[in-house]
Protein backbone atom coordinates (compact mmCIF):
# COMPACT_ATOMS: atom_id res chain seq x y z
CA MET A 1 15.07 -5.45 32.59
CA MET A 2 11.60 -4.14 34.62
CA GLU A 3 8.26 -5.75 34.76
CA PHE A 4 5.62 -3.40 33.59
CA ASN A 5 1.72 -3.79 33.23
CA SER A 6 -0.29 -5.95 31.09
CA PHE A 7 -1.65 -3.11 30.15
CA SER A 8 0.88 -0.75 29.94
CA CYS A 9 0.70 -0.51 26.81
CA LYS A 10 -2.10 -1.17 25.04
CA THR A 11 -2.71 1.55 23.15
CA LYS A 12 -5.74 2.57 20.91
CA TYR A 13 -4.06 2.20 17.44
CA PRO A 14 -2.05 -0.81 17.01
CA LEU A 15 1.82 -0.65 16.34
CA ILE A 16 3.31 -1.01 13.03
CA LEU A 17 7.78 -1.85 14.13
CA LEU A 18 9.94 -0.11 11.18
CA HIS A 19 14.16 -1.78 11.16
CA GLY A 20 16.95 -0.12 9.60
CA THR A 21 19.39 -1.01 7.13
CA GLY A 22 20.48 -4.14 6.47
CA ALA A 23 17.93 -6.03 9.19
CA ARG A 24 15.26 -8.01 9.00
CA ASP A 25 11.76 -8.74 10.12
CA GLY A 26 11.08 -12.37 11.81
CA GLY A 27 13.81 -15.43 11.86
CA ARG A 28 16.44 -16.27 14.56
CA ARG A 29 17.72 -13.02 14.58
CA THR A 30 15.14 -11.05 14.13
CA CYS A 31 15.48 -7.06 14.76
CA TRP A 32 13.49 -6.56 17.58
CA GLY A 33 14.75 -9.71 19.81
CA ARG A 34 13.39 -9.14 23.08
CA ILE A 35 11.52 -6.17 22.57
CA SER A 36 8.72 -6.93 20.17
CA GLN A 37 7.80 -10.19 23.25
CA ALA A 38 7.87 -6.89 25.84
CA LEU A 39 5.45 -5.17 24.62
CA ALA A 40 3.01 -7.51 23.21
CA ASP A 41 2.81 -8.86 27.28
CA ALA A 42 2.34 -4.86 28.33
CA GLY A 43 -0.54 -5.19 25.79
CA ALA A 44 0.23 -3.58 22.76
CA GLU A 45 -0.84 -4.82 19.73
CA ILE A 46 2.36 -5.75 17.56
CA PHE A 47 3.16 -5.26 13.79
CA TYR A 48 6.15 -5.42 11.22
CA GLY A 49 6.82 -3.49 7.99
CA HIS A 50 8.46 -6.77 6.51
CA GLN A 51 10.50 -4.09 4.33
CA ASP A 52 13.70 -5.24 2.44
CA ALA A 53 17.03 -4.91 4.31
CA TRP A 54 19.00 -3.62 1.20
CA GLY A 55 15.96 -1.33 -0.55
CA THR A 56 15.59 2.37 -0.95
CA VAL A 57 13.90 4.91 1.20
CA GLU A 58 10.84 4.70 -2.25
CA ASN A 59 11.02 1.32 -2.59
CA ASN A 60 11.00 0.19 1.50
CA ALA A 61 7.87 3.34 1.22
CA GLU A 62 5.69 0.93 -1.06
CA MET A 63 5.91 -2.03 1.11
CA VAL A 64 5.08 0.17 4.55
CA LYS A 65 2.32 1.07 2.90
CA GLU A 66 1.02 -2.67 1.68
CA THR A 67 1.14 -3.64 4.94
CA THR A 68 -0.50 -0.27 7.38
CA LEU A 69 -3.15 -0.80 4.83
CA ALA A 70 -3.10 -4.42 5.78
CA VAL A 71 -2.97 -3.66 9.47
CA LEU A 72 -6.08 -1.71 9.40
CA SER A 73 -7.76 -4.28 7.92
CA LYS A 74 -7.03 -7.22 9.70
CA THR A 75 -8.18 -4.70 13.03
CA GLY A 76 -10.78 -2.58 11.72
CA SER A 77 -8.71 1.00 13.39
CA GLU A 78 -8.67 3.86 11.69
CA LYS A 79 -4.66 4.03 12.18
CA VAL A 80 -1.70 2.77 13.36
CA ASN A 81 1.58 4.14 15.31
CA ILE A 82 4.58 3.78 14.16
CA ILE A 83 8.02 2.91 16.17
CA ALA A 84 11.41 3.39 13.45
CA ILE A 85 14.91 2.31 13.76
CA SER A 86 17.05 3.98 11.63
CA LYS A 87 16.33 4.23 8.24
CA GLY A 88 12.98 2.70 9.06
CA GLY A 89 11.92 6.52 9.75
CA LEU A 90 12.91 7.63 6.52
CA GLU A 91 10.79 5.19 5.52
CA ALA A 92 8.18 6.48 7.42
CA ARG A 93 8.29 9.16 6.57
CA TYR A 94 7.92 9.01 2.92
CA MET A 95 5.01 7.09 2.94
CA ILE A 96 3.34 8.89 4.60
CA SER A 97 4.02 12.42 2.64
CA GLN A 98 4.94 11.10 -0.79
CA LEU A 99 2.11 8.68 -0.68
CA ASP A 100 -1.13 10.20 0.48
CA MET A 101 -0.91 7.93 4.18
CA GLY A 102 -1.13 10.54 6.59
CA ASP A 103 -4.53 10.38 7.63
CA LYS A 104 -3.77 6.47 8.42
CA VAL A 105 -0.80 7.07 11.00
CA ALA A 106 -1.27 8.86 14.41
CA SER A 107 1.91 8.77 15.53
CA LEU A 108 5.58 8.50 14.24
CA THR A 109 8.52 8.21 16.38
CA THR A 110 11.77 8.11 15.27
CA ILE A 111 14.79 6.21 17.36
CA SER A 112 18.79 7.07 16.04
CA THR A 113 17.27 7.65 12.38
CA PRO A 114 19.66 9.87 9.93
CA HIS A 115 17.31 12.59 9.06
CA ARG A 116 19.84 15.19 7.86
CA GLY A 117 22.40 12.62 6.43
CA SER A 118 25.77 11.62 7.36
CA ARG A 119 28.96 13.71 6.23
CA THR A 120 30.82 10.25 7.04
CA MET A 121 28.91 8.83 3.97
CA ASP A 122 29.31 11.88 2.18
CA PHE A 123 33.27 11.13 2.80
CA PHE A 124 32.85 7.37 0.81
CA CYS A 125 30.27 8.36 -1.07
CA GLN A 126 31.38 11.08 -3.29
CA ARG A 127 35.06 11.09 -3.57
CA TRP A 128 35.75 9.39 -6.36
CA ARG A 129 38.12 6.24 -5.56
CA TYR A 130 35.48 5.14 -2.99
CA ARG A 131 32.57 4.24 -5.76
CA PRO A 132 34.65 1.74 -8.01
CA LEU A 133 35.39 -0.79 -4.23
CA LEU A 134 31.20 0.51 -2.94
CA LYS A 135 30.16 -0.47 -6.44
CA ILE A 136 31.61 -4.14 -6.17
CA ALA A 137 30.52 -4.60 -2.52
CA ALA A 138 26.77 -3.71 -3.37
CA VAL A 139 26.61 -5.94 -6.52
CA LEU A 140 28.27 -8.90 -3.90
CA ILE A 141 25.72 -7.81 -1.20
CA ASN A 142 22.41 -7.17 -3.45
CA PHE A 143 23.28 -11.10 -4.10
CA LEU A 144 23.14 -12.27 -0.74
CA ALA A 145 20.43 -9.80 -0.05
CA LYS A 146 18.17 -11.82 -2.15
CA ARG A 147 18.91 -15.32 -1.19
CA ARG A 148 17.74 -13.75 1.74
CA GLY A 149 14.07 -12.27 1.21
CA ASP A 150 14.68 -9.30 -0.48
CA LYS A 151 12.30 -8.75 -3.77
CA ASN A 152 14.51 -5.29 -4.33
CA PRO A 153 17.35 -4.57 -2.92
CA ASP A 154 19.84 -1.77 -4.26
CA VAL A 155 22.88 -0.94 -1.92
CA TYR A 156 24.50 1.60 -4.01
CA ASN A 157 22.14 4.13 -4.04
CA THR A 158 20.79 3.46 -0.74
CA CYS A 159 24.31 3.84 0.48
CA HIS A 160 24.17 7.11 -1.21
CA GLN A 161 20.85 8.01 0.32
CA PHE A 162 22.51 8.28 3.83
CA THR A 163 24.43 11.65 2.79
CA THR A 164 23.01 14.90 3.58
CA VAL A 165 23.16 15.99 -0.03
CA TYR A 166 20.32 13.40 -0.50
CA SER A 167 18.92 14.88 3.28
CA GLU A 168 18.78 17.91 1.68
CA ARG A 169 16.18 17.37 -1.23
CA PHE A 170 14.35 14.88 0.89
CA ASN A 171 13.69 17.49 3.95
CA ARG A 172 12.36 19.91 0.96
CA GLU A 173 10.05 17.56 -0.19
CA VAL A 174 8.68 15.13 2.08
CA LEU A 175 7.10 17.22 4.89
CA ASP A 176 5.81 16.65 7.48
CA ASP A 177 1.89 15.70 8.08
CA LYS A 178 0.43 18.32 10.77
CA ASN A 179 -1.93 15.90 11.33
CA VAL A 180 0.35 13.06 12.99
CA TYR A 181 2.63 13.87 16.00
CA TYR A 182 6.19 13.51 15.17
CA GLN A 183 9.14 12.70 17.50
CA SER A 184 12.63 11.06 17.92
CA TYR A 185 15.07 9.55 20.47
CA ALA A 186 18.88 9.32 19.62
CA SER A 187 21.05 7.02 21.45
CA SER A 188 24.53 7.96 22.09
CA MET A 189 28.06 6.17 22.86
CA LYS A 190 29.71 7.17 25.81
CA LYS A 191 33.82 5.96 24.09
CA SER A 192 34.44 3.98 20.77
CA TYR A 193 35.44 0.76 22.73
CA SER A 194 31.97 0.41 24.19
CA ASP A 195 30.78 -1.69 22.09
CA MET A 196 32.95 -3.36 19.78
CA LEU A 197 31.36 -4.25 17.45
CA LEU A 198 31.28 -0.51 16.45
CA PHE A 199 33.71 0.86 17.08
CA ILE A 200 35.66 1.39 14.26
CA GLN A 201 32.32 3.57 13.13
CA HIS A 202 32.45 5.15 16.00
CA VAL A 203 35.62 6.33 15.09
CA VAL A 204 35.58 7.68 11.76
CA VAL A 205 31.65 8.68 12.53
CA LYS A 206 32.97 10.75 15.48
CA LYS A 207 35.53 12.38 12.95
CA PHE A 208 32.85 13.51 10.52
CA ASP A 209 30.07 13.98 13.03
CA GLY A 210 30.32 14.35 16.41
CA GLU A 211 29.09 12.22 19.03
CA SER A 212 26.29 8.85 17.72
CA ASP A 213 25.12 6.10 18.45
CA GLY A 214 28.06 4.32 15.76
CA LEU A 215 26.47 4.84 13.24
CA VAL A 216 23.69 7.73 13.37
CA SER A 217 24.73 10.90 15.06
CA VAL A 218 22.49 12.67 17.86
CA ASP A 219 22.48 15.80 15.70
CA SER A 220 20.80 13.65 12.38
CA ALA A 221 18.47 12.41 14.84
CA LYS A 222 16.20 15.54 15.62
CA TRP A 223 12.87 15.59 14.06
CA GLY A 224 9.95 16.39 15.64
CA VAL A 225 9.58 17.08 18.30
CA PHE A 226 12.73 15.75 20.48
CA ARG A 227 13.00 13.79 23.49
CA GLY A 228 15.99 12.71 24.62
CA VAL A 229 19.36 10.55 23.98
CA ILE A 230 18.46 7.06 24.96
CA THR A 231 22.21 6.78 27.00
CA GLY A 232 23.06 4.29 30.54
CA LYS A 233 23.92 6.01 33.73
CA GLY A 234 27.77 4.01 33.58
CA ILE A 235 30.80 4.46 30.78
CA ARG A 236 28.94 2.56 28.45
CA GLY A 237 26.32 4.38 26.53
CA VAL A 238 23.77 2.57 24.04
CA SER A 239 25.07 1.79 20.31
CA HIS A 240 22.90 1.69 17.19
CA ALA A 241 23.32 -2.59 18.61
CA ASP A 242 21.96 -2.31 20.97
CA LEU A 243 18.81 -0.38 20.47
CA ARG A 244 17.86 -3.74 18.00
CA ASP A 245 18.77 -5.76 21.23
CA LEU A 246 21.07 -7.98 18.97
CA ARG A 247 22.58 -9.10 22.04
CA ARG A 248 19.45 -9.83 24.13
CA ARG A 249 20.67 -7.72 26.92
CA GLY A 250 20.76 -4.68 28.09
CA PRO A 251 24.18 -2.37 29.11
CA ALA A 252 24.80 -1.16 32.12
CA GLY A 253 21.65 1.35 33.02
CA LYS A 254 19.86 0.91 30.24
CA ASP A 255 18.15 -1.44 29.11
CA VAL A 256 16.33 -0.36 25.57
CA VAL A 257 13.63 -2.82 26.12
CA ASP A 258 12.90 -0.98 29.23
CA VAL A 259 12.59 2.26 26.75
CA ASP A 260 11.01 0.49 24.44
CA VAL A 261 7.89 -0.40 26.32
CA GLY A 262 8.26 3.52 28.38
CA ILE A 263 7.42 5.42 24.29
CA VAL A 264 4.73 3.12 23.07
CA GLY A 265 3.12 3.57 27.31
CA GLU A 266 3.93 7.12 26.62
CA LEU A 267 2.13 7.11 23.10
CA ARG A 268 -0.56 5.20 25.27
CA GLY A 269 -0.85 8.50 27.41
CA LYS A 270 -1.28 10.67 24.56
CA GLY A 271 -3.92 9.51 23.36
CA PHE A 272 -2.78 7.22 19.90
């Protein structure tokens, strides 16, 4: 990991980090690994969304709104910058557009967010023979999620929000706010065996959706100003798990900590 100037991420507006599905803020296995500390060391003022791990886009967006208003009150700032991984990007977009928060957000950066859904999820959610299995799994995961702190877990409907049918309707109704700067990044595994945690997922997603980080395809991740694909110099690439700094180390040739610090540094340079 590189060393950064202590003011390189000192943005005009505070930063809110939003996790994706199945992840959480805080705790020993926080979604953000070394990322938060690196951003703080580089001058960023950081807050977290604290949305449910398995909440729907709509319910989690309400939580993000509550967090955003609390951050504005605490800091005295007029706006916030949001960096969101995976489904957190959809929750931020919904909050901005549908919950009248466009004037409270300066920028939204989404990383590997499924803006256009997934044909893989179409296959599993829309075929009748898989629905009973999904419903059974949803009951179990909802129970465990509540025990871990979710206020309103809804696994079954959350899974359906990754389908292309949902995404098409979402994108028609949830329009970008002209006063918010939207930018996006994708990430990509170069081989299915690049990350054995996502080996099977990558094989399946590649069949239905093409190039991906094991969960979200590159094409689906594009929104607003597309800034490119995060990948390493070697044969491995960068997986969805790497984006969360799950292993607390970067793949060869690309450390996600450096990536996030660079993203925030660029926001600072743009006056955000």
